[in-house]
Amino acid sequence: MNQDFEIKNGELIKYHGRDENVIIPDSVTSIGDHAFYECSSLTSVKIGDSVKTIGAYAFYGCKNLISLKLPEIVEDIGYKAFYIRGDES
């Protein structure tokens, strides 16, 4: 198992890596709140076929994310899960 993933009881709690391309394992059934919060290195994500829920703010601020593959089984996507905030300067 990839050491960059913190997984507990099938939930991906936190991603600690800095890879551009990430494949979430099929053993994951949910992506927790803030799991990839402001992971600016992330450009591509393939979510495993077992994921049913994506938590609030899960990919919040992933400003370089340009490719995302969601499985058809996803039933719930949390509040601002893929929100990219604008330039606030």
PDB file of N, CA and C in Angstrom:
ATOM      1  N   MET A   1       0.846  -1.189   0.000  1.00  0.00           N
ATOM      2  CA  MET A   1       0.000   0.000   0.000  1.00  0.00           C
ATOM      3  C   MET A   1       0.884   1.243   0.000  1.00  0.00           C
ATOM      4  N   ASN A   2       0.474   2.220  -0.742  1.00  0.00           N
ATOM      5  CA  ASN A   2       1.195   3.482  -0.856  1.00  0.00           C
ATOM      6  C   ASN A   2       1.202   4.196   0.499  1.00  0.00           C
ATOM      7  N   GLN A   3       2.396   4.540   0.979  1.00  0.00           N
ATOM      8  CA  GLN A   3       2.542   5.202   2.279  1.00  0.00           C
ATOM      9  C   GLN A   3       2.012   6.635   2.280  1.00  0.00           C
ATOM     10  N   ASP A   4       1.765   7.203   1.101  1.00  0.00           N
ATOM     11  CA  ASP A   4       1.245   8.564   1.017  1.00  0.00           C
ATOM     12  C   ASP A   4      -0.232   8.653   1.399  1.00  0.00           C
ATOM     13  N   PHE A   5      -0.921   7.511   1.395  1.00  0.00           N
ATOM     14  CA  PHE A   5      -2.348   7.477   1.739  1.00  0.00           C
ATOM     15  C   PHE A   5      -2.532   7.110   3.202  1.00  0.00           C
ATOM     16  N   GLU A   6      -3.299   7.912   3.912  1.00  0.00           N
ATOM     17  CA  GLU A   6      -3.705   7.567   5.280  1.00  0.00           C
ATOM     18  C   GLU A   6      -5.142   7.054   5.180  1.00  0.00           C
ATOM     19  N   ILE A   7      -5.301   5.740   5.359  1.00  0.00           N
ATOM     20  CA  ILE A   7      -6.603   5.097   5.170  1.00  0.00           C
ATOM     21  C   ILE A   7      -7.010   4.404   6.462  1.00  0.00           C
ATOM     22  N   LYS A   8      -8.260   4.614   6.866  1.00  0.00           N
ATOM     23  CA  LYS A   8      -8.784   3.968   8.070  1.00  0.00           C
ATOM     24  C   LYS A   8     -10.193   3.481   7.776  1.00  0.00           C
ATOM     25  N   ASN A   9     -10.418   2.192   7.950  1.00  0.00           N
ATOM     26  CA  ASN A   9     -11.732   1.574   7.721  1.00  0.00           C
ATOM     27  C   ASN A   9     -12.302   1.911   6.344  1.00  0.00           C
ATOM     28  N   GLY A  10     -11.449   1.885   5.323  1.00  0.00           N
ATOM     29  CA  GLY A  10     -11.886   2.135   3.956  1.00  0.00           C
ATOM     30  C   GLY A  10     -11.991   3.601   3.569  1.00  0.00           C
ATOM     31  N   GLU A  11     -11.773   4.501   4.515  1.00  0.00           N
ATOM     32  CA  GLU A  11     -11.852   5.933   4.221  1.00  0.00           C
ATOM     33  C   GLU A  11     -10.455   6.509   4.047  1.00  0.00           C
ATOM     34  N   LEU A  12     -10.242   7.184   2.927  1.00  0.00           N
ATOM     35  CA  LEU A  12      -8.988   7.889   2.706  1.00  0.00           C
ATOM     36  C   LEU A  12      -9.074   9.173   3.522  1.00  0.00           C
ATOM     37  N   ILE A  13      -8.352   9.210   4.609  1.00  0.00           N
ATOM     38  CA  ILE A  13      -8.400  10.325   5.556  1.00  0.00           C
ATOM     39  C   ILE A  13      -7.564  11.502   5.051  1.00  0.00           C
ATOM     40  N   LYS A  14      -6.349  11.191   4.542  1.00  0.00           N
ATOM     41  CA  LYS A  14      -5.425  12.247   4.142  1.00  0.00           C
ATOM     42  C   LYS A  14      -4.417  11.694   3.139  1.00  0.00           C
ATOM     43  N   TYR A  15      -4.116  12.522   2.148  1.00  0.00           N
ATOM     44  CA  TYR A  15      -3.046  12.218   1.210  1.00  0.00           C
ATOM     45  C   TYR A  15      -1.847  13.066   1.607  1.00  0.00           C
ATOM     46  N   HIS A  16      -0.714  12.420   1.844  1.00  0.00           N
ATOM     47  CA  HIS A  16       0.483  13.110   2.315  1.00  0.00           C
ATOM     48  C   HIS A  16       1.542  13.284   1.228  1.00  0.00           C
ATOM     49  N   GLY A  17       1.274  12.793   0.024  1.00  0.00           N
ATOM     50  CA  GLY A  17       2.261  12.828  -1.048  1.00  0.00           C
ATOM     51  C   GLY A  17       2.282  14.141  -1.807  1.00  0.00           C
ATOM     52  N   ARG A  18       3.131  14.157  -2.827  1.00  0.00           N
ATOM     53  CA  ARG A  18       3.281  15.343  -3.681  1.00  0.00           C
ATOM     54  C   ARG A  18       3.279  14.953  -5.157  1.00  0.00           C
ATOM     55  N   ASP A  19       2.742  13.785  -5.462  1.00  0.00           N
ATOM     56  CA  ASP A  19       2.700  13.328  -6.845  1.00  0.00           C
ATOM     57  C   ASP A  19       1.741  14.179  -7.664  1.00  0.00           C
ATOM     58  N   GLU A  20       2.022  14.261  -8.956  1.00  0.00           N
ATOM     59  CA  GLU A  20       1.124  14.964  -9.872  1.00  0.00           C
ATOM     60  C   GLU A  20      -0.058  14.088 -10.253  1.00  0.00           C
ATOM     61  N   ASN A  21       0.201  12.798 -10.434  1.00  0.00           N
ATOM     62  CA  ASN A  21      -0.820  11.843 -10.852  1.00  0.00           C
ATOM     63  C   ASN A  21      -1.056  10.840  -9.736  1.00  0.00           C
ATOM     64  N   VAL A  22      -2.307  10.721  -9.308  1.00  0.00           N
ATOM     65  CA  VAL A  22      -2.639   9.849  -8.188  1.00  0.00           C
ATOM     66  C   VAL A  22      -3.737   8.880  -8.603  1.00  0.00           C
ATOM     67  N   ILE A  23      -3.559   7.622  -8.223  1.00  0.00           N
ATOM     68  CA  ILE A  23      -4.592   6.611  -8.408  1.00  0.00           C
ATOM     69  C   ILE A  23      -5.014   6.157  -7.024  1.00  0.00           C
ATOM     70  N   ILE A  24      -6.274   6.392  -6.709  1.00  0.00           N
ATOM     71  CA  ILE A  24      -6.806   6.008  -5.406  1.00  0.00           C
ATOM     72  C   ILE A  24      -7.167   4.523  -5.466  1.00  0.00           C
ATOM     73  N   PRO A  25      -6.651   3.724  -4.537  1.00  0.00           N
ATOM     74  CA  PRO A  25      -6.846   2.281  -4.600  1.00  0.00           C
ATOM     75  C   PRO A  25      -8.318   1.860  -4.510  1.00  0.00           C
ATOM     76  N   ASP A  26      -8.614   0.704  -5.094  1.00  0.00           N
ATOM     77  CA  ASP A  26      -9.974   0.162  -5.055  1.00  0.00           C
ATOM     78  C   ASP A  26     -10.417  -0.221  -3.645  1.00  0.00           C
ATOM     79  N   SER A  27      -9.486  -0.333  -2.708  1.00  0.00           N
ATOM     80  CA  SER A  27      -9.842  -0.663  -1.324  1.00  0.00           C
ATOM     81  C   SER A  27     -10.516   0.514  -0.612  1.00  0.00           C
ATOM     82  N   VAL A  28     -10.401   1.708  -1.184  1.00  0.00           N
ATOM     83  CA  VAL A  28     -10.994   2.911  -0.583  1.00  0.00           C
ATOM     84  C   VAL A  28     -12.462   3.002  -0.978  1.00  0.00           C
ATOM     85  N   THR A  29     -13.346   3.191   0.015  1.00  0.00           N
ATOM     86  CA  THR A  29     -14.785   3.322  -0.243  1.00  0.00           C
ATOM     87  C   THR A  29     -15.280   4.751  -0.089  1.00  0.00           C
ATOM     88  N   SER A  30     -14.492   5.592   0.582  1.00  0.00           N
ATOM     89  CA  SER A  30     -14.856   7.003   0.706  1.00  0.00           C
ATOM     90  C   SER A  30     -13.595   7.851   0.830  1.00  0.00           C
ATOM     91  N   ILE A  31     -13.729   9.084   0.354  1.00  0.00           N
ATOM     92  CA  ILE A  31     -12.648  10.061   0.472  1.00  0.00           C
ATOM     93  C   ILE A  31     -13.109  11.078   1.501  1.00  0.00           C
ATOM     94  N   GLY A  32     -12.364  11.216   2.556  1.00  0.00           N
ATOM     95  CA  GLY A  32     -12.772  12.047   3.675  1.00  0.00           C
ATOM     96  C   GLY A  32     -12.700  13.539   3.417  1.00  0.00           C
ATOM     97  N   ASP A  33     -13.346  14.289   4.297  1.00  0.00           N
ATOM     98  CA  ASP A  33     -13.291  15.745   4.259  1.00  0.00           C
ATOM     99  C   ASP A  33     -11.825  16.199   4.277  1.00  0.00           C
ATOM    100  N   HIS A  34     -11.487  17.140   3.423  1.00  0.00           N
ATOM    101  CA  HIS A  34     -10.151  17.759   3.366  1.00  0.00           C
ATOM    102  C   HIS A  34      -9.020  16.800   2.988  1.00  0.00           C
ATOM    103  N   ALA A  35      -9.303  15.618   2.469  1.00  0.00           N
ATOM    104  CA  ALA A  35      -8.272  14.601   2.212  1.00  0.00           C
ATOM    105  C   ALA A  35      -7.139  15.094   1.311  1.00  0.00           C
ATOM    106  N   PHE A  36      -7.456  15.884   0.292  1.00  0.00           N
ATOM    107  CA  PHE A  36      -6.447  16.414  -0.628  1.00  0.00           C
ATOM    108  C   PHE A  36      -6.412  17.942  -0.564  1.00  0.00           C
ATOM    109  N   TYR A  37      -6.845  18.512   0.526  1.00  0.00           N
ATOM    110  CA  TYR A  37      -6.992  19.960   0.701  1.00  0.00           C
ATOM    111  C   TYR A  37      -5.726  20.706   0.275  1.00  0.00           C
ATOM    112  N   GLU A  38      -5.880  21.610  -0.702  1.00  0.00           N
ATOM    113  CA  GLU A  38      -4.806  22.457  -1.214  1.00  0.00           C
ATOM    114  C   GLU A  38      -3.557  21.674  -1.621  1.00  0.00           C
ATOM    115  N   CYS A  39      -3.763  20.535  -2.246  1.00  0.00           N
ATOM    116  CA  CYS A  39      -2.663  19.728  -2.783  1.00  0.00           C
ATOM    117  C   CYS A  39      -2.326  20.291  -4.162  1.00  0.00           C
ATOM    118  N   SER A  40      -1.509  21.324  -4.196  1.00  0.00           N
ATOM    119  CA  SER A  40      -1.263  22.080  -5.422  1.00  0.00           C
ATOM    120  C   SER A  40      -0.456  21.310  -6.463  1.00  0.00           C
ATOM    121  N   SER A  41       0.244  20.254  -6.086  1.00  0.00           N
ATOM    122  CA  SER A  41       1.015  19.473  -7.045  1.00  0.00           C
ATOM    123  C   SER A  41       0.136  18.549  -7.884  1.00  0.00           C
ATOM    124  N   LEU A  42      -1.062  18.300  -7.426  1.00  0.00           N
ATOM    125  CA  LEU A  42      -1.963  17.331  -8.056  1.00  0.00           C
ATOM    126  C   LEU A  42      -2.508  17.844  -9.392  1.00  0.00           C
ATOM    127  N   THR A  43      -2.312  17.048 -10.459  1.00  0.00           N
ATOM    128  CA  THR A  43      -2.853  17.410 -11.773  1.00  0.00           C
ATOM    129  C   THR A  43      -3.863  16.390 -12.287  1.00  0.00           C
ATOM    130  N   SER A  44      -3.756  15.140 -11.837  1.00  0.00           N
ATOM    131  CA  SER A  44      -4.617  14.079 -12.339  1.00  0.00           C
ATOM    132  C   SER A  44      -4.961  13.093 -11.223  1.00  0.00           C
ATOM    133  N   VAL A  45      -6.256  12.717 -11.146  1.00  0.00           N
ATOM    134  CA  VAL A  45      -6.702  11.757 -10.139  1.00  0.00           C
ATOM    135  C   VAL A  45      -7.616  10.732 -10.789  1.00  0.00           C
ATOM    136  N   LYS A  46      -7.336   9.465 -10.523  1.00  0.00           N
ATOM    137  CA  LYS A  46      -8.247   8.384 -10.899  1.00  0.00           C
ATOM    138  C   LYS A  46      -8.757   7.804  -9.592  1.00  0.00           C
ATOM    139  N   ILE A  47     -10.057   7.940  -9.385  1.00  0.00           N
ATOM    140  CA  ILE A  47     -10.674   7.466  -8.147  1.00  0.00           C
ATOM    141  C   ILE A  47     -11.090   6.015  -8.334  1.00  0.00           C
ATOM    142  N   GLY A  48     -10.682   5.172  -7.403  1.00  0.00           N
ATOM    143  CA  GLY A  48     -10.963   3.743  -7.461  1.00  0.00           C
ATOM    144  C   GLY A  48     -12.449   3.427  -7.589  1.00  0.00           C
ATOM    145  N   ASP A  49     -12.732   2.284  -8.177  1.00  0.00           N
ATOM    146  CA  ASP A  49     -14.101   1.883  -8.493  1.00  0.00           C
ATOM    147  C   ASP A  49     -14.982   1.578  -7.284  1.00  0.00           C
ATOM    148  N   SER A  50     -14.433   1.575  -6.081  1.00  0.00           N
ATOM    149  CA  SER A  50     -15.221   1.287  -4.884  1.00  0.00           C
ATOM    150  C   SER A  50     -15.679   2.537  -4.138  1.00  0.00           C
ATOM    151  N   VAL A  51     -15.212   3.702  -4.547  1.00  0.00           N
ATOM    152  CA  VAL A  51     -15.534   4.947  -3.835  1.00  0.00           C
ATOM    153  C   VAL A  51     -16.993   5.338  -4.084  1.00  0.00           C
ATOM    154  N   LYS A  52     -17.738   5.494  -2.979  1.00  0.00           N
ATOM    155  CA  LYS A  52     -19.147   5.891  -3.055  1.00  0.00           C
ATOM    156  C   LYS A  52     -19.368   7.329  -2.616  1.00  0.00           C
ATOM    157  N   THR A  53     -18.487   7.843  -1.758  1.00  0.00           N
ATOM    158  CA  THR A  53     -18.668   9.208  -1.253  1.00  0.00           C
ATOM    159  C   THR A  53     -17.351   9.980  -1.288  1.00  0.00           C
ATOM    160  N   ILE A  54     -17.495  11.273  -1.556  1.00  0.00           N
ATOM    161  CA  ILE A  54     -16.370  12.203  -1.539  1.00  0.00           C
ATOM    162  C   ILE A  54     -16.753  13.313  -0.570  1.00  0.00           C
ATOM    163  N   GLY A  55     -15.951  13.494   0.445  1.00  0.00           N
ATOM    164  CA  GLY A  55     -16.279  14.426   1.510  1.00  0.00           C
ATOM    165  C   GLY A  55     -16.162  15.890   1.142  1.00  0.00           C
ATOM    166  N   ALA A  56     -16.672  16.714   2.035  1.00  0.00           N
ATOM    167  CA  ALA A  56     -16.610  18.169   1.880  1.00  0.00           C
ATOM    168  C   ALA A  56     -15.153  18.623   1.810  1.00  0.00           C
ATOM    169  N   TYR A  57     -14.895  19.551   0.900  1.00  0.00           N
ATOM    170  CA  TYR A  57     -13.566  20.143   0.723  1.00  0.00           C
ATOM    171  C   TYR A  57     -12.476  19.117   0.390  1.00  0.00           C
ATOM    172  N   ALA A  58     -12.848  17.934  -0.065  1.00  0.00           N
ATOM    173  CA  ALA A  58     -11.882  16.856  -0.307  1.00  0.00           C
ATOM    174  C   ALA A  58     -10.752  17.279  -1.237  1.00  0.00           C
ATOM    175  N   PHE A  59     -11.063  17.992  -2.301  1.00  0.00           N
ATOM    176  CA  PHE A  59     -10.055  18.448  -3.261  1.00  0.00           C
ATOM    177  C   PHE A  59     -10.022  19.977  -3.327  1.00  0.00           C
ATOM    178  N   TYR A  60     -10.459  20.615  -2.286  1.00  0.00           N
ATOM    179  CA  TYR A  60     -10.511  22.078  -2.208  1.00  0.00           C
ATOM    180  C   TYR A  60      -9.129  22.675  -2.448  1.00  0.00           C
ATOM    181  N   GLY A  61      -9.057  23.647  -3.330  1.00  0.00           N
ATOM    182  CA  GLY A  61      -7.814  24.362  -3.560  1.00  0.00           C
ATOM    183  C   GLY A  61      -6.778  23.617  -4.389  1.00  0.00           C
ATOM    184  N   CYS A  62      -7.148  22.503  -5.005  1.00  0.00           N
ATOM    185  CA  CYS A  62      -6.215  21.770  -5.877  1.00  0.00           C
ATOM    186  C   CYS A  62      -6.192  22.470  -7.230  1.00  0.00           C
ATOM    187  N   LYS A  63      -5.542  23.605  -7.268  1.00  0.00           N
ATOM    188  CA  LYS A  63      -5.629  24.532  -8.396  1.00  0.00           C
ATOM    189  C   LYS A  63      -5.056  24.007  -9.702  1.00  0.00           C
ATOM    190  N   ASN A  64      -4.249  22.968  -9.666  1.00  0.00           N
ATOM    191  CA  ASN A  64      -3.666  22.414 -10.883  1.00  0.00           C
ATOM    192  C   ASN A  64      -4.340  21.121 -11.345  1.00  0.00           C
ATOM    193  N   LEU A  65      -5.407  20.730 -10.682  1.00  0.00           N
ATOM    194  CA  LEU A  65      -6.132  19.510 -11.050  1.00  0.00           C
ATOM    195  C   LEU A  65      -6.877  19.738 -12.366  1.00  0.00           C
ATOM    196  N   ILE A  66      -6.471  18.999 -13.400  1.00  0.00           N
ATOM    197  CA  ILE A  66      -7.092  19.165 -14.715  1.00  0.00           C
ATOM    198  C   ILE A  66      -7.750  17.890 -15.231  1.00  0.00           C
ATOM    199  N   SER A  67      -7.477  16.758 -14.596  1.00  0.00           N
ATOM    200  CA  SER A  67      -8.045  15.495 -15.050  1.00  0.00           C
ATOM    201  C   SER A  67      -8.550  14.707 -13.844  1.00  0.00           C
ATOM    202  N   LEU A  68      -9.804  14.256 -13.940  1.00  0.00           N
ATOM    203  CA  LEU A  68     -10.426  13.532 -12.843  1.00  0.00           C
ATOM    204  C   LEU A  68     -11.291  12.430 -13.413  1.00  0.00           C
ATOM    205  N   LYS A  69     -11.089  11.195 -12.931  1.00  0.00           N
ATOM    206  CA  LYS A  69     -11.931  10.078 -13.346  1.00  0.00           C
ATOM    207  C   LYS A  69     -12.716   9.598 -12.137  1.00  0.00           C
ATOM    208  N   LEU A  70     -14.029   9.788 -12.210  1.00  0.00           N
ATOM    209  CA  LEU A  70     -14.932   9.351 -11.139  1.00  0.00           C
ATOM    210  C   LEU A  70     -15.602   8.044 -11.540  1.00  0.00           C
ATOM    211  N   PRO A  71     -15.726   7.101 -10.604  1.00  0.00           N
ATOM    212  CA  PRO A  71     -16.477   5.890 -10.921  1.00  0.00           C
ATOM    213  C   PRO A  71     -17.985   6.182 -10.918  1.00  0.00           C
ATOM    214  N   GLU A  72     -18.741   5.402 -11.661  1.00  0.00           N
ATOM    215  CA  GLU A  72     -20.186   5.593 -11.733  1.00  0.00           C
ATOM    216  C   GLU A  72     -20.884   5.355 -10.395  1.00  0.00           C
ATOM    217  N   ILE A  73     -20.238   4.648  -9.498  1.00  0.00           N
ATOM    218  CA  ILE A  73     -20.841   4.268  -8.221  1.00  0.00           C
ATOM    219  C   ILE A  73     -20.926   5.426  -7.218  1.00  0.00           C
ATOM    220  N   VAL A  74     -20.236   6.541  -7.476  1.00  0.00           N
ATOM    221  CA  VAL A  74     -20.247   7.677  -6.545  1.00  0.00           C
ATOM    222  C   VAL A  74     -21.686   8.156  -6.327  1.00  0.00           C
ATOM    223  N   GLU A  75     -22.099   8.197  -5.058  1.00  0.00           N
ATOM    224  CA  GLU A  75     -23.464   8.572  -4.694  1.00  0.00           C
ATOM    225  C   GLU A  75     -23.553   9.966  -4.085  1.00  0.00           C
ATOM    226  N   ASP A  76     -22.467  10.425  -3.463  1.00  0.00           N
ATOM    227  CA  ASP A  76     -22.522  11.687  -2.742  1.00  0.00           C
ATOM    228  C   ASP A  76     -21.195  12.433  -2.867  1.00  0.00           C
ATOM    229  N   ILE A  77     -21.284  13.697  -3.247  1.00  0.00           N
ATOM    230  CA  ILE A  77     -20.116  14.569  -3.308  1.00  0.00           C
ATOM    231  C   ILE A  77     -20.368  15.730  -2.355  1.00  0.00           C
ATOM    232  N   GLY A  78     -19.496  15.887  -1.377  1.00  0.00           N
ATOM    233  CA  GLY A  78     -19.677  16.875  -0.327  1.00  0.00           C
ATOM    234  C   GLY A  78     -19.513  18.316  -0.782  1.00  0.00           C
ATOM    235  N   TYR A  79     -19.889  19.198   0.119  1.00  0.00           N
ATOM    236  CA  TYR A  79     -19.856  20.642  -0.090  1.00  0.00           C
ATOM    237  C   TYR A  79     -18.469  21.099  -0.506  1.00  0.00           C
ATOM    238  N   LYS A  80     -18.402  21.836  -1.609  1.00  0.00           N
ATOM    239  CA  LYS A  80     -17.160  22.419  -2.142  1.00  0.00           C
ATOM    240  C   LYS A  80     -16.032  21.387  -2.277  1.00  0.00           C
ATOM    241  N   ALA A  81     -16.382  20.159  -2.617  1.00  0.00           N
ATOM    242  CA  ALA A  81     -15.393  19.088  -2.737  1.00  0.00           C
ATOM    243  C   ALA A  81     -14.312  19.406  -3.764  1.00  0.00           C
ATOM    244  N   PHE A  82     -14.674  20.138  -4.824  1.00  0.00           N
ATOM    245  CA  PHE A  82     -13.721  20.455  -5.885  1.00  0.00           C
ATOM    246  C   PHE A  82     -13.580  21.963  -6.085  1.00  0.00           C
ATOM    247  N   TYR A  83     -13.778  22.718  -5.055  1.00  0.00           N
ATOM    248  CA  TYR A  83     -13.758  24.177  -5.153  1.00  0.00           C
ATOM    249  C   TYR A  83     -12.336  24.704  -5.352  1.00  0.00           C
ATOM    250  N   ILE A  84     -12.196  25.586  -6.330  1.00  0.00           N
ATOM    251  CA  ILE A  84     -10.931  26.279  -6.564  1.00  0.00           C
ATOM    252  C   ILE A  84     -11.224  27.762  -6.345  1.00  0.00           C
ATOM    253  N   ARG A  85     -10.682  28.310  -5.312  1.00  0.00           N
ATOM    254  CA  ARG A  85     -10.954  29.720  -5.030  1.00  0.00           C
ATOM    255  C   ARG A  85     -10.186  30.602  -5.998  1.00  0.00           C
ATOM    256  N   GLY A  86     -10.753  31.755  -6.278  1.00  0.00           N
ATOM    257  CA  GLY A  86     -10.132  32.705  -7.204  1.00  0.00           C
ATOM    258  C   GLY A  86      -8.973  33.439  -6.578  1.00  0.00           C
ATOM    259  N   ASP A  87      -8.317  34.233  -7.384  1.00  0.00           N
ATOM    260  CA  ASP A  87      -7.207  35.054  -6.915  1.00  0.00           C
ATOM    261  C   ASP A  87      -7.766  36.128  -5.979  1.00  0.00           C
ATOM    262  N   GLU A  88      -7.334  36.088  -4.740  1.00  0.00           N
ATOM    263  CA  GLU A  88      -7.867  37.022  -3.744  1.00  0.00           C
ATOM    264  C   GLU A  88      -6.905  38.156  -3.445  1.00  0.00           C
ATOM    265  N   SER A  89      -5.932  38.367  -4.317  1.00  0.00           N
ATOM    266  CA  SER A  89      -4.956  39.428  -4.057  1.00  0.00           C
ATOM    267  C   SER A  89      -5.503  40.788  -4.438  1.00  0.00           C
TER     268      SER A  89
END
